[in-house]
Amino acid sequence: MSGTRRAPRQFPPHGSAAVASSPWILVSIGVVVMVVLLVVAVGAYRGPGPDFQPVPPGQPPVAAAPIPERASSAGREVSTPPSVAVPGLSPRRTDPPSPTPSASRTTSAPPSVAPSRTTVPPAPQPAPIDARYRVLHTFHGGFIAEVSIRNISSRDLDWVARVDYPGGRVVTAWLEGVPQGTFSGTGGTLTYRSGPDLDAWSSVDLRFHIESADFRPASCSVSGRTCRSRR
């Protein structure tokens, strides 16, 4: 049809055609933009310094108190900075805790009782007496012995004589020429207690009859004084 006119063909702009034909250009632009944004973010980020103090969420930061200065003879001396108090946190205690009532309550030890001292009486001292033993007469089955007792002090004394003959038998005992005392004989043991006190510097003879015994007694004493042999 000759009478019909065709519409003219429209072509896209030259720039759009270049972009559409080269998609790597858009990718390159996007990469450059991301790199720029990353550099800006890294430069804006600042890490925590040595004086960084963490603040609990919801609490406003508290500024550190100024450090006081002390003047000294050598110049200005800076005192140790006080510890920074953070709201919501209690400082750690350094003093020891006070003892509880149960811990401070101690059981007192009972008072010590000094042991009682038993007083030992001193040993009796022998009387100031001189006693001498001898055998006066011997016969079949027995003999007569004598203990001469002399008071060698300046005062009158009473006395007790004890003579022991193991296995023997005491028959009787008496004092020569003076009032008699008290006599007791058990087996071969003779005990004789004086009657009146013996005058100072005077003497008396105690005699006794012994059977079935040796001439020498096992023991002989007068008021703690050992008898000596008398010839």
Protein backbone atom coordinates (compact mmCIF):
# COMPACT_ATOMS: atom_id res chain seq x y z
CA MET A 1 0.00 0.00 0.00
CA SER A 2 1.66 3.07 -1.19
CA GLY A 3 -0.51 5.42 0.67
CA THR A 4 0.28 4.09 4.09
CA ARG A 5 3.16 5.79 5.92
CA ARG A 6 5.32 3.82 8.39
CA ALA A 7 5.99 5.29 11.74
CA PRO A 8 9.62 6.16 12.23
CA ARG A 9 11.60 3.62 14.44
CA GLN A 10 12.59 5.04 17.80
CA PHE A 11 16.04 4.15 19.11
CA PRO A 12 17.06 4.42 22.77
CA PRO A 13 19.57 7.03 23.83
CA HIS A 14 23.18 6.24 23.29
CA GLY A 15 24.00 6.21 27.03
CA SER A 16 21.23 3.84 27.96
CA ALA A 17 22.24 1.53 25.24
CA ALA A 18 25.80 1.51 26.57
CA VAL A 19 24.70 0.73 30.11
CA ALA A 20 22.33 -1.97 28.96
CA SER A 21 24.98 -3.49 26.81
CA SER A 22 27.61 -3.33 29.66
CA PRO A 23 26.11 -4.47 33.09
CA TRP A 24 29.59 -4.71 34.72
CA ILE A 25 29.59 -0.94 34.95
CA LEU A 26 26.72 -1.03 37.49
CA VAL A 27 28.47 -3.75 39.47
CA SER A 28 31.68 -1.70 39.62
CA ILE A 29 29.81 1.40 40.79
CA GLY A 30 28.11 -0.61 43.56
CA VAL A 31 31.42 -2.07 44.75
CA VAL A 32 33.02 1.39 44.90
CA VAL A 33 30.11 2.73 46.94
CA MET A 34 30.36 -0.16 49.45
CA VAL A 35 34.11 0.34 49.85
CA VAL A 36 33.61 4.04 50.54
CA LEU A 37 30.95 3.32 53.16
CA LEU A 38 33.21 0.70 54.83
CA VAL A 39 36.09 3.16 55.04
CA VAL A 40 33.84 5.80 56.59
CA ALA A 41 32.53 3.29 59.18
CA VAL A 42 36.02 2.14 60.15
CA GLY A 43 37.22 5.71 60.58
CA ALA A 44 34.22 6.59 62.73
CA TYR A 45 34.74 3.56 65.02
CA ARG A 46 36.93 4.21 68.09
CA GLY A 47 37.96 1.38 70.43
CA PRO A 48 37.87 1.74 74.28
CA GLY A 49 40.93 3.51 75.65
CA PRO A 50 42.83 2.74 78.93
CA ASP A 51 40.53 5.06 80.89
CA PHE A 52 37.37 3.40 79.61
CA GLN A 53 34.95 2.61 82.45
CA PRO A 54 31.99 0.32 81.72
CA VAL A 55 28.61 1.75 82.61
CA PRO A 56 25.75 -0.63 83.40
CA PRO A 57 22.77 -0.36 81.09
CA GLY A 58 20.31 2.29 82.13
CA GLN A 59 22.81 4.18 84.35
CA PRO A 60 24.28 7.55 83.34
CA PRO A 61 28.07 7.72 83.37
CA VAL A 62 29.66 9.42 86.37
CA ALA A 63 32.58 11.68 85.78
CA ALA A 64 35.74 10.90 87.72
CA ALA A 65 36.45 13.27 90.60
CA PRO A 66 39.36 15.66 90.03
CA ILE A 67 42.64 14.53 91.56
CA PRO A 68 43.54 16.76 94.53
CA GLU A 69 47.03 18.08 94.80
CA ARG A 70 49.08 18.43 97.95
CA ALA A 71 51.79 20.92 98.39
CA SER A 72 55.03 19.67 99.90
CA SER A 73 58.37 21.14 100.67
CA ALA A 74 59.83 19.50 97.53
CA GLY A 75 57.09 20.77 95.21
CA ARG A 76 53.60 19.78 94.28
CA GLU A 77 52.84 16.16 94.92
CA VAL A 78 49.88 14.47 93.28
CA SER A 79 47.97 12.23 95.65
CA THR A 80 46.67 8.83 94.64
CA PRO A 81 43.42 9.19 92.71
CA PRO A 82 40.40 7.86 94.54
CA SER A 83 38.57 4.91 93.19
CA VAL A 84 35.69 5.75 90.87
CA ALA A 85 32.31 4.76 92.20
CA VAL A 86 30.07 3.20 89.60
CA PRO A 87 26.34 3.54 90.28
CA GLY A 88 24.70 0.27 91.08
CA LEU A 89 27.92 -1.40 92.24
CA SER A 90 29.12 -1.43 95.86
CA PRO A 91 32.92 -1.16 96.45
CA ARG A 92 34.72 -4.25 97.69
CA ARG A 93 35.34 -4.22 101.44
CA THR A 94 38.93 -4.50 102.58
CA ASP A 95 38.38 -4.49 106.37
CA PRO A 96 37.73 -7.83 108.08
CA PRO A 97 34.09 -8.48 108.91
CA SER A 98 33.02 -7.96 112.47
CA PRO A 99 32.62 -11.21 114.41
CA THR A 100 29.16 -12.54 114.86
CA PRO A 101 27.73 -12.78 118.38
CA SER A 102 28.04 -16.57 118.28
CA ALA A 103 31.70 -16.40 117.24
CA SER A 104 32.62 -13.76 119.82
CA ARG A 105 31.02 -15.74 122.60
CA THR A 106 33.82 -17.89 123.98
CA THR A 107 33.55 -20.41 126.72
CA SER A 108 35.66 -19.30 129.63
CA ALA A 109 37.83 -21.99 131.16
CA PRO A 110 36.98 -22.90 134.74
CA PRO A 111 39.29 -21.32 137.26
CA SER A 112 42.22 -23.51 138.04
CA VAL A 113 42.22 -24.89 141.51
CA ALA A 114 45.59 -25.10 143.13
CA PRO A 115 46.25 -28.58 144.42
CA SER A 116 46.08 -28.80 148.12
CA ARG A 117 49.42 -29.27 149.75
CA THR A 118 49.53 -31.98 152.32
CA THR A 119 51.68 -30.90 155.19
CA VAL A 120 53.97 -33.72 156.14
CA PRO A 121 54.82 -33.54 159.81
CA PRO A 122 58.52 -33.60 160.51
CA ALA A 123 60.00 -36.89 161.58
CA PRO A 124 60.22 -37.18 165.34
CA GLN A 125 63.68 -36.56 166.66
CA PRO A 126 65.19 -39.15 169.01
CA ALA A 127 64.93 -38.21 172.67
CA PRO A 128 68.12 -37.07 174.41
CA ILE A 129 68.62 -40.51 175.95
CA ASP A 130 71.58 -42.85 176.10
CA ALA A 131 70.46 -46.55 176.00
CA ARG A 132 72.82 -49.51 176.43
CA TYR A 133 71.99 -53.23 176.21
CA ARG A 134 73.68 -56.20 177.90
CA VAL A 135 72.97 -59.77 179.07
CA LEU A 136 73.20 -60.22 182.86
CA HIS A 137 72.51 -63.96 183.46
CA THR A 138 72.02 -67.01 181.27
CA PHE A 139 70.48 -70.35 182.15
CA HIS A 140 68.95 -73.34 180.43
CA GLY A 141 66.26 -72.15 178.02
CA GLY A 142 66.59 -68.43 178.71
CA PHE A 143 68.46 -65.43 180.09
CA ILE A 144 68.09 -62.11 181.91
CA ALA A 145 68.92 -58.98 179.88
CA GLU A 146 69.15 -55.31 180.84
CA VAL A 147 68.78 -51.93 179.11
CA SER A 148 70.37 -49.05 181.00
CA ILE A 149 68.53 -45.78 180.23
CA ARG A 150 70.13 -42.40 180.99
CA ASN A 151 68.54 -38.95 180.57
CA ILE A 152 71.24 -36.70 179.09
CA SER A 153 69.12 -33.54 179.00
CA SER A 154 68.41 -30.80 181.54
CA ARG A 155 64.71 -31.62 181.86
CA ASP A 156 62.68 -34.62 183.01
CA LEU A 157 61.66 -37.12 180.32
CA ASP A 158 59.26 -39.98 179.85
CA TRP A 159 60.38 -42.84 177.61
CA VAL A 160 59.25 -46.02 175.83
CA ALA A 161 61.55 -49.03 175.38
CA ARG A 162 61.07 -51.66 172.64
CA VAL A 163 63.12 -54.86 172.31
CA ASP A 164 62.39 -57.54 169.70
CA TYR A 165 63.46 -61.21 169.85
CA PRO A 166 62.12 -63.09 166.81
CA GLY A 167 60.95 -66.58 167.80
CA GLY A 168 61.47 -65.89 171.50
CA ARG A 169 59.08 -65.29 174.37
CA VAL A 170 59.02 -62.39 176.85
CA VAL A 171 58.30 -63.72 180.34
CA THR A 172 58.40 -60.53 182.42
CA ALA A 173 60.08 -57.09 182.73
CA TRP A 174 60.68 -54.66 185.63
CA LEU A 175 62.59 -51.52 186.69
CA GLU A 176 65.30 -51.70 189.36
CA GLY A 177 64.71 -49.48 192.46
CA VAL A 178 62.12 -47.09 190.96
CA PRO A 179 58.34 -47.05 190.52
CA GLN A 180 57.23 -49.48 187.82
CA GLY A 181 55.80 -48.54 184.44
CA THR A 182 53.56 -50.34 181.96
CA PHE A 183 54.70 -53.64 180.46
CA SER A 184 53.39 -55.59 177.45
CA GLY A 185 54.89 -58.62 175.73
CA THR A 186 53.58 -60.22 172.55
CA GLY A 187 55.58 -63.19 171.36
CA GLY A 188 59.18 -62.13 171.43
CA THR A 189 58.50 -58.36 171.40
CA LEU A 190 58.84 -56.37 174.62
CA THR A 191 57.31 -52.90 175.05
CA TYR A 192 57.79 -50.99 178.28
CA ARG A 193 56.55 -47.46 179.05
CA SER A 194 58.05 -45.56 181.97
CA GLY A 195 56.03 -44.62 185.02
CA PRO A 196 57.24 -41.29 186.52
CA ASP A 197 59.42 -39.14 184.27
CA LEU A 198 63.12 -39.79 184.41
CA ASP A 199 64.93 -36.92 186.11
CA ALA A 200 67.49 -34.88 184.20
CA TRP A 201 70.94 -36.46 184.09
CA SER A 202 69.71 -39.53 185.95
CA SER A 203 69.47 -43.18 184.83
CA VAL A 204 67.35 -46.31 185.38
CA ASP A 205 67.80 -50.00 184.54
CA LEU A 206 65.12 -51.97 182.69
CA ARG A 207 65.47 -55.75 183.06
CA PHE A 208 63.51 -58.59 181.45
CA HIS A 209 63.34 -62.38 181.30
CA ILE A 210 63.52 -63.89 177.79
CA GLU A 211 63.18 -67.57 176.79
CA SER A 212 63.93 -69.48 173.58
CA ALA A 213 65.72 -66.57 171.92
CA ASP A 214 69.15 -65.46 170.83
CA PHE A 215 71.15 -63.31 173.23
CA ARG A 216 71.31 -60.51 170.69
CA PRO A 217 67.91 -58.96 169.94
CA ALA A 218 66.87 -58.11 166.38
CA SER A 219 66.19 -54.52 167.47
CA CYS A 220 66.45 -52.43 170.62
CA SER A 221 65.48 -48.75 171.02
CA VAL A 222 64.35 -46.28 173.69
CA SER A 223 62.18 -43.36 172.49
CA GLY A 224 63.73 -43.64 169.01
CA ARG A 225 67.30 -43.93 170.24
CA THR A 226 69.04 -47.19 169.22
CA CYS A 227 70.56 -49.18 172.04
CA ARG A 228 74.31 -49.65 172.14
CA SER A 229 76.04 -52.77 173.40
CA ARG A 230 77.30 -52.64 176.94
CA ARG A 231 79.93 -54.94 178.33
